[in-house]
Amino acid sequence: MFHRALCLYFLVCAVIAVFILANAGSETPIIERLIYTFLYPLSGSIAAFYFWHRKVAGYLFGLLPCLSMVIRPIGEWAWISLPPPISLGFPMGDVAAGRGFIFDIWAALLSIRFIYGLYSNVTKQAAPESPD
């Protein structure tokens, strides 16, 4: 059930990210658009595919966009000016002056869950089988 919910989450994120990209103005640099396209719609769709088929690679592709959202700089330090598709961010620092960070608790929780999922799958595969 958890894998299906993650699949749905990443598909919704990918669709929202496509709409954000479609509405991005011409002032957004092309390199930002390419990075955004790789992080959210592309890796999110790949993660959704792997989660649907219950593959471990879904954790890796799901970890990429989540880690990029955990702490995002604002202002001149921002490496992507486009917003993430789904975020539960809390500002830290002097955000009104354009110097600060956004800490995304939802992305942090998902990242911890994905790292745990990777760890549990690796330890499950590495465990020796008992001779019967």
C-alpha atoms as a PDB file:
ATOM      1  CA  MET A   1       0.000   0.000   0.000  1.00  0.00           C
ATOM      2  CA  PHE A   2       2.826   2.390   0.876  1.00  0.00           C
ATOM      3  CA  HIS A   3       4.460   1.866  -2.512  1.00  0.00           C
ATOM      4  CA  ARG A   4       1.225   2.684  -4.344  1.00  0.00           C
ATOM      5  CA  ALA A   5       0.780   5.883  -2.321  1.00  0.00           C
ATOM      6  CA  LEU A   6       4.340   6.954  -3.140  1.00  0.00           C
ATOM      7  CA  CYS A   7       3.690   6.201  -6.791  1.00  0.00           C
ATOM      8  CA  LEU A   8       0.632   8.445  -6.741  1.00  0.00           C
ATOM      9  CA  TYR A   9       2.536  11.170  -4.867  1.00  0.00           C
ATOM     10  CA  PHE A  10       5.354  11.246  -7.410  1.00  0.00           C
ATOM     11  CA  LEU A  11       2.950  11.213 -10.349  1.00  0.00           C
ATOM     12  CA  VAL A  12       1.071  14.196  -8.906  1.00  0.00           C
ATOM     13  CA  CYS A  13       4.398  15.977  -8.283  1.00  0.00           C
ATOM     14  CA  ALA A  14       5.469  15.326 -11.870  1.00  0.00           C
ATOM     15  CA  VAL A  15       2.215  16.730 -13.279  1.00  0.00           C
ATOM     16  CA  ILE A  16       2.383  19.827 -11.066  1.00  0.00           C
ATOM     17  CA  ALA A  17       6.034  20.341 -12.036  1.00  0.00           C
ATOM     18  CA  VAL A  18       5.132  20.213 -15.733  1.00  0.00           C
ATOM     19  CA  PHE A  19       2.540  22.942 -15.170  1.00  0.00           C
ATOM     20  CA  ILE A  20       5.074  25.038 -13.234  1.00  0.00           C
ATOM     21  CA  LEU A  21       7.550  24.647 -16.096  1.00  0.00           C
ATOM     22  CA  ALA A  22       4.881  25.574 -18.641  1.00  0.00           C
ATOM     23  CA  ASN A  23       4.128  28.790 -16.738  1.00  0.00           C
ATOM     24  CA  ALA A  24       7.791  29.709 -16.151  1.00  0.00           C
ATOM     25  CA  GLY A  25       8.558  32.990 -17.798  1.00  0.00           C
ATOM     26  CA  SER A  26      11.253  33.622 -20.345  1.00  0.00           C
ATOM     27  CA  GLU A  27      13.389  35.266 -17.639  1.00  0.00           C
ATOM     28  CA  THR A  28      14.066  31.830 -16.116  1.00  0.00           C
ATOM     29  CA  PRO A  29      17.457  30.611 -17.407  1.00  0.00           C
ATOM     30  CA  ILE A  30      17.474  27.469 -19.520  1.00  0.00           C
ATOM     31  CA  ILE A  31      19.883  25.671 -17.176  1.00  0.00           C
ATOM     32  CA  GLU A  32      17.418  26.167 -14.302  1.00  0.00           C
ATOM     33  CA  ARG A  33      14.638  24.706 -16.402  1.00  0.00           C
ATOM     34  CA  LEU A  34      16.773  21.684 -17.307  1.00  0.00           C
ATOM     35  CA  ILE A  35      17.733  21.038 -13.687  1.00  0.00           C
ATOM     36  CA  TYR A  36      14.097  21.447 -12.610  1.00  0.00           C
ATOM     37  CA  THR A  37      12.970  19.090 -15.392  1.00  0.00           C
ATOM     38  CA  PHE A  38      15.437  16.438 -14.283  1.00  0.00           C
ATOM     39  CA  LEU A  39      14.668  16.809 -10.566  1.00  0.00           C
ATOM     40  CA  TYR A  40      10.900  16.871 -10.485  1.00  0.00           C
ATOM     41  CA  PRO A  41       9.028  15.636 -13.583  1.00  0.00           C
ATOM     42  CA  LEU A  42      11.657  13.191 -14.889  1.00  0.00           C
ATOM     43  CA  SER A  43      13.024  11.621 -11.698  1.00  0.00           C
ATOM     44  CA  GLY A  44       9.556  11.772 -10.122  1.00  0.00           C
ATOM     45  CA  SER A  45       8.056   9.817 -13.012  1.00  0.00           C
ATOM     46  CA  ILE A  46      10.860   7.262 -12.899  1.00  0.00           C
ATOM     47  CA  ALA A  47      10.426   6.907  -9.127  1.00  0.00           C
ATOM     48  CA  ALA A  48       6.680   6.417  -9.589  1.00  0.00           C
ATOM     49  CA  PHE A  49       7.325   3.677 -12.153  1.00  0.00           C
ATOM     50  CA  TYR A  50       9.754   1.844  -9.872  1.00  0.00           C
ATOM     51  CA  PHE A  51       7.516   2.228  -6.811  1.00  0.00           C
ATOM     52  CA  TRP A  52       4.599   0.804  -8.776  1.00  0.00           C
ATOM     53  CA  HIS A  53       6.698  -2.274  -9.589  1.00  0.00           C
ATOM     54  CA  ARG A  54       8.158  -2.373  -6.050  1.00  0.00           C
ATOM     55  CA  LYS A  55      11.772  -1.984  -7.160  1.00  0.00           C
ATOM     56  CA  VAL A  56      14.567  -0.648  -4.938  1.00  0.00           C
ATOM     57  CA  ALA A  57      15.571   1.891  -7.596  1.00  0.00           C
ATOM     58  CA  GLY A  58      12.417   3.832  -6.723  1.00  0.00           C
ATOM     59  CA  TYR A  59      14.062   4.860  -3.462  1.00  0.00           C
ATOM     60  CA  LEU A  60      17.074   6.258  -5.313  1.00  0.00           C
ATOM     61  CA  PHE A  61      15.034   8.220  -7.840  1.00  0.00           C
ATOM     62  CA  GLY A  62      12.678   9.394  -5.099  1.00  0.00           C
ATOM     63  CA  LEU A  63      15.580  10.516  -2.950  1.00  0.00           C
ATOM     64  CA  LEU A  64      16.914  12.945  -5.577  1.00  0.00           C
ATOM     65  CA  PRO A  65      14.014  15.436  -5.575  1.00  0.00           C
ATOM     66  CA  CYS A  66      13.445  15.065  -1.839  1.00  0.00           C
ATOM     67  CA  LEU A  67      17.050  15.833  -0.923  1.00  0.00           C
ATOM     68  CA  SER A  68      17.010  18.862  -3.210  1.00  0.00           C
ATOM     69  CA  MET A  69      13.972  20.223  -1.356  1.00  0.00           C
ATOM     70  CA  VAL A  70      15.040  19.680   2.274  1.00  0.00           C
ATOM     71  CA  ILE A  71      16.938  22.981   2.590  1.00  0.00           C
ATOM     72  CA  ARG A  72      16.473  25.520  -0.197  1.00  0.00           C
ATOM     73  CA  PRO A  73      18.256  28.880  -0.217  1.00  0.00           C
ATOM     74  CA  ILE A  74      16.322  32.042  -1.031  1.00  0.00           C
ATOM     75  CA  GLY A  75      17.459  35.141  -2.884  1.00  0.00           C
ATOM     76  CA  GLU A  76      20.817  35.389  -4.586  1.00  0.00           C
ATOM     77  CA  TRP A  77      21.868  31.992  -3.198  1.00  0.00           C
ATOM     78  CA  ALA A  78      18.947  30.160  -4.799  1.00  0.00           C
ATOM     79  CA  TRP A  79      20.094  27.694  -7.410  1.00  0.00           C
ATOM     80  CA  ILE A  80      16.548  27.124  -8.685  1.00  0.00           C
ATOM     81  CA  SER A  81      14.069  29.976  -8.576  1.00  0.00           C
ATOM     82  CA  LEU A  82      11.089  27.772  -9.492  1.00  0.00           C
ATOM     83  CA  PRO A  83       9.097  26.381  -6.556  1.00  0.00           C
ATOM     84  CA  PRO A  84       8.965  22.648  -5.801  1.00  0.00           C
ATOM     85  CA  PRO A  85       5.708  20.888  -6.746  1.00  0.00           C
ATOM     86  CA  ILE A  86       4.569  19.983  -3.226  1.00  0.00           C
ATOM     87  CA  SER A  87       6.249  21.550  -0.226  1.00  0.00           C
ATOM     88  CA  LEU A  88       5.724  22.009   3.474  1.00  0.00           C
ATOM     89  CA  GLY A  89       8.516  24.509   4.048  1.00  0.00           C
ATOM     90  CA  PHE A  90       9.299  26.683   7.031  1.00  0.00           C
ATOM     91  CA  PRO A  91      11.419  29.828   6.565  1.00  0.00           C
ATOM     92  CA  MET A  92      14.641  30.277   8.499  1.00  0.00           C
ATOM     93  CA  GLY A  93      16.773  33.401   8.541  1.00  0.00           C
ATOM     94  CA  ASP A  94      15.923  36.794   7.070  1.00  0.00           C
ATOM     95  CA  VAL A  95      13.585  35.656   4.302  1.00  0.00           C
ATOM     96  CA  ALA A  96      12.003  39.085   3.783  1.00  0.00           C
ATOM     97  CA  ALA A  97      15.395  40.549   2.845  1.00  0.00           C
ATOM     98  CA  GLY A  98      16.132  37.643   0.498  1.00  0.00           C
ATOM     99  CA  ARG A  99      18.733  36.034   2.733  1.00  0.00           C
ATOM    100  CA  GLY A 100      17.556  32.852   4.276  1.00  0.00           C
ATOM    101  CA  PHE A 101      16.579  29.250   3.782  1.00  0.00           C
ATOM    102  CA  ILE A 102      13.417  27.196   3.599  1.00  0.00           C
ATOM    103  CA  PHE A 103      13.439  23.948   5.558  1.00  0.00           C
ATOM    104  CA  ASP A 104      10.947  21.475   4.098  1.00  0.00           C
ATOM    105  CA  ILE A 105       9.783  19.035   6.776  1.00  0.00           C
ATOM    106  CA  TRP A 106       7.826  16.867   4.305  1.00  0.00           C
ATOM    107  CA  ALA A 107      10.882  16.355   2.089  1.00  0.00           C
ATOM    108  CA  ALA A 108      13.037  15.644   5.157  1.00  0.00           C
ATOM    109  CA  LEU A 109      10.622  12.954   6.383  1.00  0.00           C
ATOM    110  CA  LEU A 110      10.423  11.371   2.933  1.00  0.00           C
ATOM    111  CA  SER A 111      14.219  11.422   2.638  1.00  0.00           C
ATOM    112  CA  ILE A 112      14.592   9.667   5.979  1.00  0.00           C
ATOM    113  CA  ARG A 113      12.022   7.072   4.909  1.00  0.00           C
ATOM    114  CA  PHE A 114      13.780   6.484   1.576  1.00  0.00           C
ATOM    115  CA  ILE A 115      17.176   6.094   3.255  1.00  0.00           C
ATOM    116  CA  TYR A 116      15.618   3.618   5.697  1.00  0.00           C
ATOM    117  CA  GLY A 117      14.014   1.749   2.787  1.00  0.00           C
ATOM    118  CA  LEU A 118      17.339   1.529   0.979  1.00  0.00           C
ATOM    119  CA  TYR A 119      19.083   0.380   4.155  1.00  0.00           C
ATOM    120  CA  SER A 120      16.491  -2.293   4.950  1.00  0.00           C
ATOM    121  CA  ASN A 121      16.564  -3.633   1.376  1.00  0.00           C
ATOM    122  CA  VAL A 122      20.357  -3.784   1.338  1.00  0.00           C
ATOM    123  CA  THR A 123      20.542  -5.545   4.706  1.00  0.00           C
ATOM    124  CA  LYS A 124      17.770  -7.944   3.675  1.00  0.00           C
ATOM    125  CA  GLN A 125      19.663  -8.895   0.515  1.00  0.00           C
ATOM    126  CA  ALA A 126      23.000  -9.165   2.319  1.00  0.00           C
ATOM    127  CA  ALA A 127      21.693 -11.417   5.095  1.00  0.00           C
ATOM    128  CA  PRO A 128      22.966 -14.990   4.723  1.00  0.00           C
ATOM    129  CA  GLU A 129      20.357 -17.650   4.242  1.00  0.00           C
ATOM    130  CA  SER A 130      20.128 -20.348   6.860  1.00  0.00           C
ATOM    131  CA  PRO A 131      21.155 -23.803   5.617  1.00  0.00           C
ATOM    132  CA  ASP A 132      18.250 -26.207   5.907  1.00  0.00           C
END
